Amino acid sequence: MSNLTLVIDDEVLRRARIRAATESTSVNAQVRDFIRRYAYDDDLRRDQLDATKWLLDLSHTTQTGGGLSSRDWTRDDVHER
């Protein structure tokens, strides 16, 4: 693992330490997690796009009759008015 040196305003770091303590974590852990997510954001975005495409493809090929034209019930039927 590598070390990273940052220059951060004293007040910002003080407030970050307080917040991290209330969340039972550390500023170091939060920065490490942020950088990890930042580094892999493209992979995550690609996975999300792949999942979205898969769901859209599935919605176009499904035979469940989810459209309005195939519905044989009315709103009143559902709510028994």
PDB file of N, CA and C in Angstrom:
ATOM      1  N   MET A   1       0.832  -1.160   0.000  1.00  0.00           N
ATOM      2  CA  MET A   1       0.000   0.000   0.000  1.00  0.00           C
ATOM      3  C   MET A   1       0.890   1.240   0.000  1.00  0.00           C
ATOM      4  N   SER A   2       0.465   2.284  -0.690  1.00  0.00           N
ATOM      5  CA  SER A   2       1.234   3.524  -0.779  1.00  0.00           C
ATOM      6  C   SER A   2       0.703   4.561   0.189  1.00  0.00           C
ATOM      7  N   ASN A   3       1.569   5.502   0.534  1.00  0.00           N
ATOM      8  CA  ASN A   3       1.175   6.632   1.361  1.00  0.00           C
ATOM      9  C   ASN A   3       0.896   7.835   0.468  1.00  0.00           C
ATOM     10  N   LEU A   4       0.013   8.712   0.913  1.00  0.00           N
ATOM     11  CA  LEU A   4      -0.358   9.913   0.180  1.00  0.00           C
ATOM     12  C   LEU A   4      -0.353  11.076   1.159  1.00  0.00           C
ATOM     13  N   THR A   5       0.294  12.166   0.788  1.00  0.00           N
ATOM     14  CA  THR A   5       0.323  13.348   1.639  1.00  0.00           C
ATOM     15  C   THR A   5      -0.589  14.400   1.021  1.00  0.00           C
ATOM     16  N   LEU A   6      -1.477  14.964   1.830  1.00  0.00           N
ATOM     17  CA  LEU A   6      -2.413  15.992   1.381  1.00  0.00           C
ATOM     18  C   LEU A   6      -2.236  17.244   2.216  1.00  0.00           C
ATOM     19  N   VAL A   7      -2.517  18.375   1.619  1.00  0.00           N
ATOM     20  CA  VAL A   7      -2.555  19.636   2.358  1.00  0.00           C
ATOM     21  C   VAL A   7      -4.028  20.024   2.454  1.00  0.00           C
ATOM     22  N   ILE A   8      -4.543  20.087   3.697  1.00  0.00           N
ATOM     23  CA  ILE A   8      -5.961  20.352   3.938  1.00  0.00           C
ATOM     24  C   ILE A   8      -6.073  21.457   4.976  1.00  0.00           C
ATOM     25  N   ASP A   9      -7.013  22.336   4.769  1.00  0.00           N
ATOM     26  CA  ASP A   9      -7.281  23.408   5.720  1.00  0.00           C
ATOM     27  C   ASP A   9      -7.523  22.820   7.116  1.00  0.00           C
ATOM     28  N   ASP A  10      -6.957  23.455   8.125  1.00  0.00           N
ATOM     29  CA  ASP A  10      -7.069  22.951   9.509  1.00  0.00           C
ATOM     30  C   ASP A  10      -8.516  22.780   9.954  1.00  0.00           C
ATOM     31  N   GLU A  11      -9.362  23.754   9.658  1.00  0.00           N
ATOM     32  CA  GLU A  11     -10.763  23.688  10.084  1.00  0.00           C
ATOM     33  C   GLU A  11     -11.510  22.575   9.357  1.00  0.00           C
ATOM     34  N   VAL A  12     -11.221  22.400   8.087  1.00  0.00           N
ATOM     35  CA  VAL A  12     -11.857  21.320   7.315  1.00  0.00           C
ATOM     36  C   VAL A  12     -11.475  19.972   7.917  1.00  0.00           C
ATOM     37  N   LEU A  13     -10.198  19.794   8.218  1.00  0.00           N
ATOM     38  CA  LEU A  13      -9.754  18.524   8.793  1.00  0.00           C
ATOM     39  C   LEU A  13     -10.361  18.307  10.175  1.00  0.00           C
ATOM     40  N   ARG A  14     -10.447  19.351  10.984  1.00  0.00           N
ATOM     41  CA  ARG A  14     -11.047  19.233  12.319  1.00  0.00           C
ATOM     42  C   ARG A  14     -12.499  18.775  12.210  1.00  0.00           C
ATOM     43  N   ARG A  15     -13.247  19.403  11.312  1.00  0.00           N
ATOM     44  CA  ARG A  15     -14.659  19.030  11.138  1.00  0.00           C
ATOM     45  C   ARG A  15     -14.800  17.617  10.574  1.00  0.00           C
ATOM     46  N   ALA A  16     -13.892  17.246   9.669  1.00  0.00           N
ATOM     47  CA  ALA A  16     -13.924  15.893   9.103  1.00  0.00           C
ATOM     48  C   ALA A  16     -13.645  14.849  10.184  1.00  0.00           C
ATOM     49  N   ARG A  17     -12.703  15.156  11.070  1.00  0.00           N
ATOM     50  CA  ARG A  17     -12.393  14.218  12.162  1.00  0.00           C
ATOM     51  C   ARG A  17     -13.590  14.050  13.095  1.00  0.00           C
ATOM     52  N   ILE A  18     -14.276  15.143  13.381  1.00  0.00           N
ATOM     53  CA  ILE A  18     -15.466  15.072  14.241  1.00  0.00           C
ATOM     54  C   ILE A  18     -16.541  14.226  13.580  1.00  0.00           C
ATOM     55  N   ARG A  19     -16.801  14.499  12.318  1.00  0.00           N
ATOM     56  CA  ARG A  19     -17.829  13.728  11.610  1.00  0.00           C
ATOM     57  C   ARG A  19     -17.460  12.250  11.531  1.00  0.00           C
ATOM     58  N   ALA A  20     -16.207  11.965  11.208  1.00  0.00           N
ATOM     59  CA  ALA A  20     -15.765  10.570  11.118  1.00  0.00           C
ATOM     60  C   ALA A  20     -15.929   9.869  12.460  1.00  0.00           C
ATOM     61  N   ALA A  21     -15.603  10.560  13.549  1.00  0.00           N
ATOM     62  CA  ALA A  21     -15.746   9.961  14.880  1.00  0.00           C
ATOM     63  C   ALA A  21     -17.203   9.638  15.182  1.00  0.00           C
ATOM     64  N   THR A  22     -18.116  10.519  14.786  1.00  0.00           N
ATOM     65  CA  THR A  22     -19.547  10.259  15.042  1.00  0.00           C
ATOM     66  C   THR A  22     -20.060   9.102  14.187  1.00  0.00           C
ATOM     67  N   GLU A  23     -19.363   8.811  13.088  1.00  0.00           N
ATOM     68  CA  GLU A  23     -19.753   7.712  12.201  1.00  0.00           C
ATOM     69  C   GLU A  23     -18.903   6.462  12.440  1.00  0.00           C
ATOM     70  N   SER A  24     -18.153   6.449  13.529  1.00  0.00           N
ATOM     71  CA  SER A  24     -17.295   5.310  13.903  1.00  0.00           C
ATOM     72  C   SER A  24     -16.343   4.907  12.783  1.00  0.00           C
ATOM     73  N   THR A  25     -15.725   5.910  12.175  1.00  0.00           N
ATOM     74  CA  THR A  25     -14.750   5.653  11.124  1.00  0.00           C
ATOM     75  C   THR A  25     -13.605   6.645  11.308  1.00  0.00           C
ATOM     76  N   SER A  26     -12.765   6.780  10.296  1.00  0.00           N
ATOM     77  CA  SER A  26     -11.664   7.744  10.350  1.00  0.00           C
ATOM     78  C   SER A  26     -11.625   8.540   9.047  1.00  0.00           C
ATOM     79  N   VAL A  27     -10.982   9.690   9.107  1.00  0.00           N
ATOM     80  CA  VAL A  27     -10.811  10.489   7.895  1.00  0.00           C
ATOM     81  C   VAL A  27     -10.002   9.682   6.883  1.00  0.00           C
ATOM     82  N   ASN A  28      -8.997   8.980   7.342  1.00  0.00           N
ATOM     83  CA  ASN A  28      -8.172   8.156   6.468  1.00  0.00           C
ATOM     84  C   ASN A  28      -9.020   7.119   5.724  1.00  0.00           C
ATOM     85  N   ALA A  29      -9.901   6.452   6.431  1.00  0.00           N
ATOM     86  CA  ALA A  29     -10.761   5.442   5.801  1.00  0.00           C
ATOM     87  C   ALA A  29     -11.701   6.084   4.778  1.00  0.00           C
ATOM     88  N   GLN A  30     -12.219   7.252   5.100  1.00  0.00           N
ATOM     89  CA  GLN A  30     -13.128   7.937   4.176  1.00  0.00           C
ATOM     90  C   GLN A  30     -12.398   8.373   2.910  1.00  0.00           C
ATOM     91  N   VAL A  31     -11.195   8.926   3.061  1.00  0.00           N
ATOM     92  CA  VAL A  31     -10.410   9.349   1.897  1.00  0.00           C
ATOM     93  C   VAL A  31     -10.022   8.135   1.056  1.00  0.00           C
ATOM     94  N   ARG A  32      -9.610   7.053   1.702  1.00  0.00           N
ATOM     95  CA  ARG A  32      -9.245   5.827   0.986  1.00  0.00           C
ATOM     96  C   ARG A  32     -10.433   5.293   0.180  1.00  0.00           C
ATOM     97  N   ASP A  33     -11.631   5.303   0.786  1.00  0.00           N
ATOM     98  CA  ASP A  33     -12.824   4.828   0.093  1.00  0.00           C
ATOM     99  C   ASP A  33     -13.181   5.745  -1.076  1.00  0.00           C
ATOM    100  N   PHE A  34     -13.069   7.057  -0.863  1.00  0.00           N
ATOM    101  CA  PHE A  34     -13.361   7.998  -1.944  1.00  0.00           C
ATOM    102  C   PHE A  34     -12.435   7.767  -3.135  1.00  0.00           C
ATOM    103  N   ILE A  35     -11.139   7.616  -2.877  1.00  0.00           N
ATOM    104  CA  ILE A  35     -10.179   7.436  -3.966  1.00  0.00           C
ATOM    105  C   ILE A  35     -10.419   6.111  -4.686  1.00  0.00           C
ATOM    106  N   ARG A  36     -10.756   5.064  -3.930  1.00  0.00           N
ATOM    107  CA  ARG A  36     -11.070   3.774  -4.563  1.00  0.00           C
ATOM    108  C   ARG A  36     -12.261   3.923  -5.501  1.00  0.00           C
ATOM    109  N   ARG A  37     -13.346   4.562  -5.022  1.00  0.00           N
ATOM    110  CA  ARG A  37     -14.530   4.755  -5.869  1.00  0.00           C
ATOM    111  C   ARG A  37     -14.209   5.639  -7.073  1.00  0.00           C
ATOM    112  N   TYR A  38     -13.406   6.671  -6.855  1.00  0.00           N
ATOM    113  CA  TYR A  38     -13.003   7.571  -7.935  1.00  0.00           C
ATOM    114  C   TYR A  38     -12.220   6.815  -9.003  1.00  0.00           C
ATOM    115  N   ALA A  39     -11.327   5.943  -8.580  1.00  0.00           N
ATOM    116  CA  ALA A  39     -10.493   5.185  -9.506  1.00  0.00           C
ATOM    117  C   ALA A  39     -11.300   4.189 -10.330  1.00  0.00           C
ATOM    118  N   TYR A  40     -12.328   3.601  -9.728  1.00  0.00           N
ATOM    119  CA  TYR A  40     -13.094   2.556 -10.413  1.00  0.00           C
ATOM    120  C   TYR A  40     -14.448   3.032 -10.910  1.00  0.00           C
ATOM    121  N   ASP A  41     -14.691   4.320 -10.929  1.00  0.00           N
ATOM    122  CA  ASP A  41     -15.988   4.861 -11.329  1.00  0.00           C
ATOM    123  C   ASP A  41     -16.387   4.427 -12.736  1.00  0.00           C
ATOM    124  N   ASP A  42     -15.443   4.387 -13.672  1.00  0.00           N
ATOM    125  CA  ASP A  42     -15.760   3.979 -15.039  1.00  0.00           C
ATOM    126  C   ASP A  42     -16.259   2.544 -15.084  1.00  0.00           C
ATOM    127  N   ASP A  43     -15.643   1.661 -14.295  1.00  0.00           N
ATOM    128  CA  ASP A  43     -16.077   0.269 -14.250  1.00  0.00           C
ATOM    129  C   ASP A  43     -17.490   0.165 -13.693  1.00  0.00           C
ATOM    130  N   LEU A  44     -17.777   0.927 -12.634  1.00  0.00           N
ATOM    131  CA  LEU A  44     -19.109   0.917 -12.034  1.00  0.00           C
ATOM    132  C   LEU A  44     -20.140   1.443 -13.022  1.00  0.00           C
ATOM    133  N   ARG A  45     -19.812   2.541 -13.679  1.00  0.00           N
ATOM    134  CA  ARG A  45     -20.741   3.125 -14.646  1.00  0.00           C
ATOM    135  C   ARG A  45     -21.019   2.150 -15.783  1.00  0.00           C
ATOM    136  N   ARG A  46     -19.975   1.463 -16.248  1.00  0.00           N
ATOM    137  CA  ARG A  46     -20.139   0.480 -17.326  1.00  0.00           C
ATOM    138  C   ARG A  46     -21.036  -0.669 -16.854  1.00  0.00           C
ATOM    139  N   ASP A  47     -20.844  -1.132 -15.633  1.00  0.00           N
ATOM    140  CA  ASP A  47     -21.692  -2.195 -15.088  1.00  0.00           C
ATOM    141  C   ASP A  47     -23.149  -1.734 -14.996  1.00  0.00           C
ATOM    142  N   GLN A  48     -23.369  -0.489 -14.574  1.00  0.00           N
ATOM    143  CA  GLN A  48     -24.731   0.041 -14.477  1.00  0.00           C
ATOM    144  C   GLN A  48     -25.369   0.138 -15.852  1.00  0.00           C
ATOM    145  N   LEU A  49     -24.607   0.600 -16.844  1.00  0.00           N
ATOM    146  CA  LEU A  49     -25.137   0.693 -18.207  1.00  0.00           C
ATOM    147  C   LEU A  49     -25.451  -0.684 -18.763  1.00  0.00           C
ATOM    148  N   ASP A  50     -24.586  -1.662 -18.498  1.00  0.00           N
ATOM    149  CA  ASP A  50     -24.839  -3.030 -18.947  1.00  0.00           C
ATOM    150  C   ASP A  50     -26.118  -3.579 -18.315  1.00  0.00           C
ATOM    151  N   ALA A  51     -26.303  -3.328 -17.019  1.00  0.00           N
ATOM    152  CA  ALA A  51     -27.501  -3.808 -16.326  1.00  0.00           C
ATOM    153  C   ALA A  51     -28.750  -3.124 -16.870  1.00  0.00           C
ATOM    154  N   THR A  52     -28.652  -1.832 -17.141  1.00  0.00           N
ATOM    155  CA  THR A  52     -29.794  -1.097 -17.695  1.00  0.00           C
ATOM    156  C   THR A  52     -30.161  -1.631 -19.067  1.00  0.00           C
ATOM    157  N   LYS A  53     -29.150  -1.859 -19.904  1.00  0.00           N
ATOM    158  CA  LYS A  53     -29.406  -2.403 -21.247  1.00  0.00           C
ATOM    159  C   LYS A  53     -30.058  -3.774 -21.146  1.00  0.00           C
ATOM    160  N   TRP A  54     -29.573  -4.609 -20.239  1.00  0.00           N
ATOM    161  CA  TRP A  54     -30.145  -5.944 -20.060  1.00  0.00           C
ATOM    162  C   TRP A  54     -31.616  -5.849 -19.669  1.00  0.00           C
ATOM    163  N   LEU A  55     -31.938  -4.953 -18.729  1.00  0.00           N
ATOM    164  CA  LEU A  55     -33.331  -4.797 -18.303  1.00  0.00           C
ATOM    165  C   LEU A  55     -34.209  -4.274 -19.431  1.00  0.00           C
ATOM    166  N   LEU A  56     -33.705  -3.316 -20.195  1.00  0.00           N
ATOM    167  CA  LEU A  56     -34.487  -2.802 -21.321  1.00  0.00           C
ATOM    168  C   LEU A  56     -34.715  -3.877 -22.373  1.00  0.00           C
ATOM    169  N   ASP A  57     -33.671  -4.645 -22.684  1.00  0.00           N
ATOM    170  CA  ASP A  57     -33.825  -5.749 -23.635  1.00  0.00           C
ATOM    171  C   ASP A  57     -34.863  -6.747 -23.131  1.00  0.00           C
ATOM    172  N   LEU A  58     -34.806  -7.063 -21.850  1.00  0.00           N
ATOM    173  CA  LEU A  58     -35.760  -7.992 -21.258  1.00  0.00           C
ATOM    174  C   LEU A  58     -37.184  -7.441 -21.348  1.00  0.00           C
ATOM    175  N   SER A  59     -37.337  -6.157 -21.106  1.00  0.00           N
ATOM    176  CA  SER A  59     -38.678  -5.571 -21.141  1.00  0.00           C
ATOM    177  C   SER A  59     -39.280  -5.612 -22.542  1.00  0.00           C
ATOM    178  N   HIS A  60     -38.428  -5.591 -23.553  1.00  0.00           N
ATOM    179  CA  HIS A  60     -38.932  -5.643 -24.928  1.00  0.00           C
ATOM    180  C   HIS A  60     -39.289  -7.057 -25.368  1.00  0.00           C
ATOM    181  N   THR A  61     -38.752  -8.055 -24.682  1.00  0.00           N
ATOM    182  CA  THR A  61     -38.988  -9.438 -25.104  1.00  0.00           C
ATOM    183  C   THR A  61     -39.905 -10.209 -24.162  1.00  0.00           C
ATOM    184  N   THR A  62     -40.291  -9.613 -23.050  1.00  0.00           N
ATOM    185  CA  THR A  62     -41.095 -10.337 -22.075  1.00  0.00           C
ATOM    186  C   THR A  62     -42.498 -10.617 -22.610  1.00  0.00           C
ATOM    187  N   GLN A  63     -43.086 -11.679 -22.150  1.00  0.00           N
ATOM    188  CA  GLN A  63     -44.424 -12.071 -22.574  1.00  0.00           C
ATOM    189  C   GLN A  63     -45.428 -11.939 -21.432  1.00  0.00           C
ATOM    190  N   THR A  64     -45.151 -11.076 -20.469  1.00  0.00           N
ATOM    191  CA  THR A  64     -46.021 -10.981 -19.300  1.00  0.00           C
ATOM    192  C   THR A  64     -47.243 -10.111 -19.523  1.00  0.00           C
ATOM    193  N   GLY A  65     -47.322  -9.425 -20.641  1.00  0.00           N
ATOM    194  CA  GLY A  65     -48.490  -8.600 -20.911  1.00  0.00           C
ATOM    195  C   GLY A  65     -48.587  -7.398 -20.006  1.00  0.00           C
ATOM    196  N   GLY A  66     -47.490  -6.728 -19.796  1.00  0.00           N
ATOM    197  CA  GLY A  66     -47.471  -5.595 -18.885  1.00  0.00           C
ATOM    198  C   GLY A  66     -47.990  -4.303 -19.463  1.00  0.00           C
ATOM    199  N   GLY A  67     -48.319  -4.266 -20.731  1.00  0.00           N
ATOM    200  CA  GLY A  67     -48.791  -3.024 -21.338  1.00  0.00           C
ATOM    201  C   GLY A  67     -50.246  -2.747 -21.043  1.00  0.00           C
ATOM    202  N   LEU A  68     -50.679  -1.518 -21.254  1.00  0.00           N
ATOM    203  CA  LEU A  68     -52.072  -1.139 -21.003  1.00  0.00           C
ATOM    204  C   LEU A  68     -53.042  -1.869 -21.925  1.00  0.00           C
ATOM    205  N   SER A  69     -52.632  -2.153 -23.157  1.00  0.00           N
ATOM    206  CA  SER A  69     -53.546  -2.771 -24.115  1.00  0.00           C
ATOM    207  C   SER A  69     -53.924  -4.198 -23.734  1.00  0.00           C
ATOM    208  N   SER A  70     -53.099  -4.882 -22.949  1.00  0.00           N
ATOM    209  CA  SER A  70     -53.408  -6.268 -22.588  1.00  0.00           C
ATOM    210  C   SER A  70     -54.115  -6.385 -21.251  1.00  0.00           C
ATOM    211  N   ARG A  71     -54.405  -5.281 -20.623  1.00  0.00           N
ATOM    212  CA  ARG A  71     -55.018  -5.277 -19.302  1.00  0.00           C
ATOM    213  C   ARG A  71     -56.512  -5.597 -19.422  1.00  0.00           C
ATOM    214  N   ASP A  72     -56.999  -6.530 -18.596  1.00  0.00           N
ATOM    215  CA  ASP A  72     -58.426  -6.868 -18.635  1.00  0.00           C
ATOM    216  C   ASP A  72     -59.127  -6.480 -17.344  1.00  0.00           C
ATOM    217  N   TRP A  73     -58.561  -5.564 -16.571  1.00  0.00           N
ATOM    218  CA  TRP A  73     -59.177  -5.083 -15.350  1.00  0.00           C
ATOM    219  C   TRP A  73     -59.178  -3.566 -15.372  1.00  0.00           C
ATOM    220  N   THR A  74     -60.037  -2.993 -14.588  1.00  0.00           N
ATOM    221  CA  THR A  74     -60.117  -1.535 -14.512  1.00  0.00           C
ATOM    222  C   THR A  74     -59.647  -1.079 -13.145  1.00  0.00           C
ATOM    223  N   ARG A  75     -59.451   0.200 -13.032  1.00  0.00           N
ATOM    224  CA  ARG A  75     -59.040   0.781 -11.753  1.00  0.00           C
ATOM    225  C   ARG A  75     -60.116   0.519 -10.699  1.00  0.00           C
ATOM    226  N   ASP A  76     -61.364   0.620 -11.076  1.00  0.00           N
ATOM    227  CA  ASP A  76     -62.466   0.361 -10.146  1.00  0.00           C
ATOM    228  C   ASP A  76     -62.470  -1.091  -9.659  1.00  0.00           C
ATOM    229  N   ASP A  77     -62.111  -2.030 -10.547  1.00  0.00           N
ATOM    230  CA  ASP A  77     -62.025  -3.432 -10.131  1.00  0.00           C
ATOM    231  C   ASP A  77     -61.003  -3.606  -9.006  1.00  0.00           C
ATOM    232  N   VAL A  78     -59.871  -2.950  -9.143  1.00  0.00           N
ATOM    233  CA  VAL A  78     -58.792  -3.088  -8.182  1.00  0.00           C
ATOM    234  C   VAL A  78     -59.204  -2.475  -6.833  1.00  0.00           C
ATOM    235  N   HIS A  79     -59.893  -1.357  -6.879  1.00  0.00           N
ATOM    236  CA  HIS A  79     -60.240  -0.645  -5.660  1.00  0.00           C
ATOM    237  C   HIS A  79     -61.654  -0.975  -5.137  1.00  0.00           C
ATOM    238  N   GLU A  80     -62.371  -1.837  -5.828  1.00  0.00           N
ATOM    239  CA  GLU A  80     -63.715  -2.268  -5.431  1.00  0.00           C
ATOM    240  C   GLU A  80     -64.585  -1.104  -4.983  1.00  0.00           C
ATOM    241  N   ARG A  81     -64.819  -0.195  -5.889  1.00  0.00           N
ATOM    242  CA  ARG A  81     -65.626   0.999  -5.572  1.00  0.00           C
ATOM    243  C   ARG A  81     -67.103   0.739  -5.716  1.00  0.00           C
TER     244      ARG A  81
END
